[in-house]
Amino acid sequence: MVQSGYWHNFSIARDSGTITKVSETTACRALANTRGEARLPKRKGSAITMTKDDIQLLYEFDRWANNRVLQAASTLSAEEFTRDLGGSFRSVRDTLVHIVRCEEGWLTCWNEPSPSSTFVMDFWKRHHALFSPNAFPDLAAVQLKWAEVEREQVEFVNRVTNESLGRMIPVRTTQISLAHLMQHLANHSTYHRGQVTLMMRQLAAEPLATDFAMFLMEDRREVAGAR
């Protein structure tokens, strides 16, 4: 029997042979489930789909977009920041904490020199069990945690090479390249930033756009202005 996979709404096979979609909360926390295996498509060619320059640009974007979301959240009152809006992660605060905790978690796995499948699974089980948004009572506490994770992430991203991006990391019963996992994490954060945007609108607040194209245009304006 195959249980839920690692990514949101990942299609999974049941004993009947049907394909079912799981909720995004279940998919996010599936790393804590040690039973079964994800049915990942086999891909042809190199495990590296992006170069180190591509990855570094992607994580520059990730940091820019995260900071934009935090900036937008700063306009909320304390009550609005923690209000239960009925989402998979109930509030703006809870969703932001989930994003930063996952960025922290994957960074821990990537920094492990030779992680075993057992190490990765046990780590995520403990990591999700410790998920406690209430440990972050306000935006300042979330920002403090984010700054800590971001510093460590920048150091890691700046060290990656084209060779290291091909390193295979065990994920349940398969192995996934570091390049693909880094793409996954950036995509995961984008997904949840979109949820924060919706929540901001539910609160009649003004979200800030975090489109990749906007990041590229803004970055190029800054470069042109520095000349």
Foldseek 3Di string as FASTA:
>chain_A
DADAEQAAQQWDQDPVRDTDGDHRLCNPLVLLPQDHDGDDDDDDDALAPDFLVRLLLLVVLLVVLLVLQLVQLVVDDLCQQPPQPPDSQGGVLSLLLSLLLVLQLVLVQLPPPADDQVNSSVSSSVSVVPRDSVVQSGSVSSVVSNVVSVVSVNVVSVPDGRVQQRDWGDRNPDTHGNNVVSVVSSVVSVVSSVVSCVSCVVVVTHGDDSDPVVVVVVVVVVVVVVD
